[in-house]
Amino acid sequence: DTEFAPQPPDSAIEATGVRVPAGATPVQGLRQLNRALPEEYLALVDLMIGRPVLCSSDADKDHIIQIDKQREKVEGIIRGMYDCLARFRPFQARQSLITALRAQIEQRKAQAASLKSSREKAEALIASTSAELNRAAQALQARDTSAPHPVRAAAA
């Protein structure tokens, strides 16, 4: 089916006859087309209800031509919607990537905060252990200087 072959999106929307503001985003164009589709489809159904079984007169042939034109209009709207969706995909992919990267950044910030907290706890533990060791070393030195050393006392 080559009907949905890539073509400039604006020309596909213009071909539908649906008014879309110039410079409209793909989402705005899609909304306009989405609003127009049910009306045009119902018009096509109305035309098909009154379709003659046999083309016996010029009026019947004109009616069939009207049905074909309306069908082409509905197909054009669907083609325009397809093109709008195709234009929206890169935007959607970019937004998904941004969301994923932001989640990764938040996760890394949380991990960094956790590591910082662990590092601070470890530093506090090392500082308290170091202080205890210094006090113990000072207490040993104080005890050694106040009591005579057995080897020094024997030598004197």
C-alpha atoms as a PDB file:
ATOM      1  CA  ASP A   1       0.000   0.000   0.000  1.00  0.00           C
ATOM      2  CA  THR A   2       1.760   3.124  -1.201  1.00  0.00           C
ATOM      3  CA  GLU A   3      -1.026   5.437  -0.034  1.00  0.00           C
ATOM      4  CA  PHE A   4       0.823   6.029   3.240  1.00  0.00           C
ATOM      5  CA  ALA A   5       4.214   6.661   1.634  1.00  0.00           C
ATOM      6  CA  PRO A   6       6.189   9.435   3.334  1.00  0.00           C
ATOM      7  CA  GLN A   7       5.365  12.900   2.111  1.00  0.00           C
ATOM      8  CA  PRO A   8       5.675  16.380   3.554  1.00  0.00           C
ATOM      9  CA  PRO A   9       3.288  16.390   6.553  1.00  0.00           C
ATOM     10  CA  ASP A  10       1.915  19.860   5.852  1.00  0.00           C
ATOM     11  CA  SER A  11       0.906  18.930   2.312  1.00  0.00           C
ATOM     12  CA  ALA A  12      -0.820  15.784   3.574  1.00  0.00           C
ATOM     13  CA  ILE A  13      -2.825  17.817   6.080  1.00  0.00           C
ATOM     14  CA  GLU A  14      -3.643  20.516   3.520  1.00  0.00           C
ATOM     15  CA  ALA A  15      -4.902  17.843   1.126  1.00  0.00           C
ATOM     16  CA  THR A  16      -7.537  16.826   3.674  1.00  0.00           C
ATOM     17  CA  GLY A  17      -9.237  20.202   3.556  1.00  0.00           C
ATOM     18  CA  VAL A  18      -9.112  20.445   7.354  1.00  0.00           C
ATOM     19  CA  ARG A  19      -7.920  23.813   8.615  1.00  0.00           C
ATOM     20  CA  VAL A  20      -4.830  23.472  10.799  1.00  0.00           C
ATOM     21  CA  PRO A  21      -3.122  26.681  11.980  1.00  0.00           C
ATOM     22  CA  ALA A  22       0.235  27.436  10.363  1.00  0.00           C
ATOM     23  CA  GLY A  23       3.150  26.321  12.520  1.00  0.00           C
ATOM     24  CA  ALA A  24       0.943  23.998  14.552  1.00  0.00           C
ATOM     25  CA  THR A  25       2.684  21.260  16.476  1.00  0.00           C
ATOM     26  CA  PRO A  26       2.038  17.655  15.451  1.00  0.00           C
ATOM     27  CA  VAL A  27      -0.214  17.254  18.477  1.00  0.00           C
ATOM     28  CA  GLN A  28      -2.341  20.270  17.523  1.00  0.00           C
ATOM     29  CA  GLY A  29      -2.626  19.032  13.944  1.00  0.00           C
ATOM     30  CA  LEU A  30      -3.610  15.596  15.184  1.00  0.00           C
ATOM     31  CA  ARG A  31      -6.316  17.077  17.410  1.00  0.00           C
ATOM     32  CA  GLN A  32      -7.786  19.052  14.510  1.00  0.00           C
ATOM     33  CA  LEU A  33      -7.809  15.981  12.287  1.00  0.00           C
ATOM     34  CA  ASN A  34      -9.262  13.860  15.080  1.00  0.00           C
ATOM     35  CA  ARG A  35     -12.136  16.327  15.440  1.00  0.00           C
ATOM     36  CA  ALA A  36     -12.775  16.361  11.681  1.00  0.00           C
ATOM     37  CA  LEU A  37     -12.694  12.595  11.140  1.00  0.00           C
ATOM     38  CA  PRO A  38     -16.028  11.636  12.764  1.00  0.00           C
ATOM     39  CA  GLU A  39     -17.925  14.370  10.879  1.00  0.00           C
ATOM     40  CA  GLU A  40     -16.461  13.380   7.520  1.00  0.00           C
ATOM     41  CA  TYR A  41     -16.970   9.677   8.208  1.00  0.00           C
ATOM     42  CA  LEU A  42     -20.636  10.228   9.076  1.00  0.00           C
ATOM     43  CA  ALA A  43     -21.056  12.251   5.887  1.00  0.00           C
ATOM     44  CA  LEU A  44     -19.601   9.303   3.953  1.00  0.00           C
ATOM     45  CA  VAL A  45     -21.956   6.870   5.683  1.00  0.00           C
ATOM     46  CA  ASP A  46     -24.933   9.132   4.872  1.00  0.00           C
ATOM     47  CA  LEU A  47     -23.924   9.192   1.221  1.00  0.00           C
ATOM     48  CA  MET A  48     -23.477   5.421   1.148  1.00  0.00           C
ATOM     49  CA  ILE A  49     -26.921   4.805   2.664  1.00  0.00           C
ATOM     50  CA  GLY A  50     -28.522   6.466  -0.314  1.00  0.00           C
ATOM     51  CA  ARG A  51     -26.250   4.717  -2.820  1.00  0.00           C
ATOM     52  CA  PRO A  52     -28.070   3.353  -5.823  1.00  0.00           C
ATOM     53  CA  VAL A  53     -27.690  -0.320  -6.602  1.00  0.00           C
ATOM     54  CA  LEU A  54     -27.432   0.242 -10.326  1.00  0.00           C
ATOM     55  CA  CYS A  55     -26.036   3.276 -12.092  1.00  0.00           C
ATOM     56  CA  SER A  56     -28.897   3.879 -14.455  1.00  0.00           C
ATOM     57  CA  SER A  57     -28.888   7.668 -14.625  1.00  0.00           C
ATOM     58  CA  ASP A  58     -26.523  10.600 -14.541  1.00  0.00           C
ATOM     59  CA  ALA A  59     -27.762  11.482 -11.050  1.00  0.00           C
ATOM     60  CA  ASP A  60     -26.710   8.030  -9.818  1.00  0.00           C
ATOM     61  CA  LYS A  61     -23.293   8.493 -11.381  1.00  0.00           C
ATOM     62  CA  ASP A  62     -22.956  11.909  -9.721  1.00  0.00           C
ATOM     63  CA  HIS A  63     -23.921  10.340  -6.400  1.00  0.00           C
ATOM     64  CA  ILE A  64     -21.213   7.688  -6.785  1.00  0.00           C
ATOM     65  CA  ILE A  65     -18.675  10.400  -7.655  1.00  0.00           C
ATOM     66  CA  GLN A  66     -19.693  12.234  -4.449  1.00  0.00           C
ATOM     67  CA  ILE A  67     -19.154   9.034  -2.474  1.00  0.00           C
ATOM     68  CA  ASP A  68     -15.682   8.606  -4.004  1.00  0.00           C
ATOM     69  CA  LYS A  69     -14.761  12.208  -3.189  1.00  0.00           C
ATOM     70  CA  GLN A  70     -15.957  11.815   0.389  1.00  0.00           C
ATOM     71  CA  ARG A  71     -14.063   8.515   0.729  1.00  0.00           C
ATOM     72  CA  GLU A  72     -10.907  10.232  -0.541  1.00  0.00           C
ATOM     73  CA  LYS A  73     -11.433  13.003   2.002  1.00  0.00           C
ATOM     74  CA  VAL A  74     -11.729  10.477   4.859  1.00  0.00           C
ATOM     75  CA  GLU A  75      -8.635   8.648   3.582  1.00  0.00           C
ATOM     76  CA  GLY A  76      -6.797  11.976   3.407  1.00  0.00           C
ATOM     77  CA  ILE A  77      -7.674  12.754   7.018  1.00  0.00           C
ATOM     78  CA  ILE A  78      -6.421   9.337   8.114  1.00  0.00           C
ATOM     79  CA  ARG A  79      -3.242   9.857   6.060  1.00  0.00           C
ATOM     80  CA  GLY A  80      -2.787  13.269   7.704  1.00  0.00           C
ATOM     81  CA  MET A  81      -3.224  11.695  11.147  1.00  0.00           C
ATOM     82  CA  TYR A  82      -0.625   9.088  10.258  1.00  0.00           C
ATOM     83  CA  ASP A  83       1.806  11.811   9.184  1.00  0.00           C
ATOM     84  CA  CYS A  84       1.187  13.803  12.374  1.00  0.00           C
ATOM     85  CA  LEU A  85       1.897  10.700  14.432  1.00  0.00           C
ATOM     86  CA  ALA A  86       5.088  10.090  12.450  1.00  0.00           C
ATOM     87  CA  ARG A  87       6.197  13.665  13.165  1.00  0.00           C
ATOM     88  CA  PHE A  88       5.395  13.207  16.855  1.00  0.00           C
ATOM     89  CA  ARG A  89       7.521  10.059  17.284  1.00  0.00           C
ATOM     90  CA  PRO A  90      10.928  11.826  17.477  1.00  0.00           C
ATOM     91  CA  PHE A  91       9.515  14.257  20.043  1.00  0.00           C
ATOM     92  CA  GLN A  92       8.098  11.374  22.061  1.00  0.00           C
ATOM     93  CA  ALA A  93      11.400   9.484  21.879  1.00  0.00           C
ATOM     94  CA  ARG A  94      13.303  12.593  23.000  1.00  0.00           C
ATOM     95  CA  GLN A  95      10.912  13.104  25.924  1.00  0.00           C
ATOM     96  CA  SER A  96      11.239   9.448  26.948  1.00  0.00           C
ATOM     97  CA  LEU A  97      15.022   9.761  26.870  1.00  0.00           C
ATOM     98  CA  ILE A  98      14.920  12.955  28.942  1.00  0.00           C
ATOM     99  CA  THR A  99      12.675  11.260  31.505  1.00  0.00           C
ATOM    100  CA  ALA A 100      14.980   8.219  31.713  1.00  0.00           C
ATOM    101  CA  LEU A 101      18.075  10.401  32.084  1.00  0.00           C
ATOM    102  CA  ARG A 102      16.433  12.490  34.809  1.00  0.00           C
ATOM    103  CA  ALA A 103      15.562   9.297  36.693  1.00  0.00           C
ATOM    104  CA  GLN A 104      19.190   8.161  36.390  1.00  0.00           C
ATOM    105  CA  ILE A 105      20.406  11.527  37.682  1.00  0.00           C
ATOM    106  CA  GLU A 106      18.087  11.298  40.697  1.00  0.00           C
ATOM    107  CA  GLN A 107      19.227   7.738  41.360  1.00  0.00           C
ATOM    108  CA  ARG A 108      22.891   8.766  41.174  1.00  0.00           C
ATOM    109  CA  LYS A 109      22.267  11.727  43.490  1.00  0.00           C
ATOM    110  CA  ALA A 110      20.636   9.371  46.005  1.00  0.00           C
ATOM    111  CA  GLN A 111      23.573   6.972  45.736  1.00  0.00           C
ATOM    112  CA  ALA A 112      26.044   9.855  46.173  1.00  0.00           C
ATOM    113  CA  ALA A 113      24.161  11.044  49.271  1.00  0.00           C
ATOM    114  CA  SER A 114      24.225   7.503  50.664  1.00  0.00           C
ATOM    115  CA  LEU A 115      27.959   7.231  50.025  1.00  0.00           C
ATOM    116  CA  LYS A 116      28.557  10.637  51.632  1.00  0.00           C
ATOM    117  CA  SER A 117      26.568   9.570  54.691  1.00  0.00           C
ATOM    118  CA  SER A 118      28.528   6.307  54.931  1.00  0.00           C
ATOM    119  CA  ARG A 119      31.814   8.175  54.542  1.00  0.00           C
ATOM    120  CA  GLU A 120      30.853  10.636  57.311  1.00  0.00           C
ATOM    121  CA  LYS A 121      29.928   7.747  59.630  1.00  0.00           C
ATOM    122  CA  ALA A 122      33.242   6.018  58.869  1.00  0.00           C
ATOM    123  CA  GLU A 123      35.190   9.250  59.507  1.00  0.00           C
ATOM    124  CA  ALA A 124      33.370   9.731  62.828  1.00  0.00           C
ATOM    125  CA  LEU A 125      34.159   6.124  63.812  1.00  0.00           C
ATOM    126  CA  ILE A 126      37.819   6.561  62.860  1.00  0.00           C
ATOM    127  CA  ALA A 127      38.012   9.835  64.806  1.00  0.00           C
ATOM    128  CA  SER A 128      36.432   8.311  67.931  1.00  0.00           C
ATOM    129  CA  THR A 129      38.665   5.215  67.694  1.00  0.00           C
ATOM    130  CA  SER A 130      41.716   7.420  67.219  1.00  0.00           C
ATOM    131  CA  ALA A 131      40.751   9.505  70.255  1.00  0.00           C
ATOM    132  CA  GLU A 132      40.305   6.333  72.334  1.00  0.00           C
ATOM    133  CA  LEU A 133      43.687   5.016  71.197  1.00  0.00           C
ATOM    134  CA  ASN A 134      45.338   8.346  72.069  1.00  0.00           C
ATOM    135  CA  ARG A 135      43.757   8.328  75.535  1.00  0.00           C
ATOM    136  CA  ALA A 136      44.817   4.707  76.049  1.00  0.00           C
ATOM    137  CA  ALA A 137      48.374   5.516  74.926  1.00  0.00           C
ATOM    138  CA  GLN A 138      48.502   8.531  77.252  1.00  0.00           C
ATOM    139  CA  ALA A 139      47.160   6.448  80.137  1.00  0.00           C
ATOM    140  CA  LEU A 140      49.860   3.821  79.493  1.00  0.00           C
ATOM    141  CA  GLN A 141      52.567   6.472  79.377  1.00  0.00           C
ATOM    142  CA  ALA A 142      51.280   8.064  82.562  1.00  0.00           C
ATOM    143  CA  ARG A 143      51.247   4.712  84.321  1.00  0.00           C
ATOM    144  CA  ASP A 144      54.745   3.873  83.068  1.00  0.00           C
ATOM    145  CA  THR A 145      56.245   7.164  84.247  1.00  0.00           C
ATOM    146  CA  SER A 146      54.642   7.003  87.688  1.00  0.00           C
ATOM    147  CA  ALA A 147      55.682   3.414  88.470  1.00  0.00           C
ATOM    148  CA  PRO A 148      59.359   2.444  88.460  1.00  0.00           C
ATOM    149  CA  HIS A 149      60.341   0.241  85.607  1.00  0.00           C
ATOM    150  CA  PRO A 150      61.693  -3.099  86.901  1.00  0.00           C
ATOM    151  CA  VAL A 151      64.652  -3.096  84.525  1.00  0.00           C
ATOM    152  CA  ARG A 152      65.560   0.550  85.282  1.00  0.00           C
ATOM    153  CA  ALA A 153      65.232  -0.027  89.016  1.00  0.00           C
ATOM    154  CA  ALA A 154      67.565  -3.032  88.893  1.00  0.00           C
ATOM    155  CA  ALA A 155      70.151  -1.159  86.839  1.00  0.00           C
ATOM    156  CA  ALA A 156      70.215   1.764  89.231  1.00  0.00           C
END
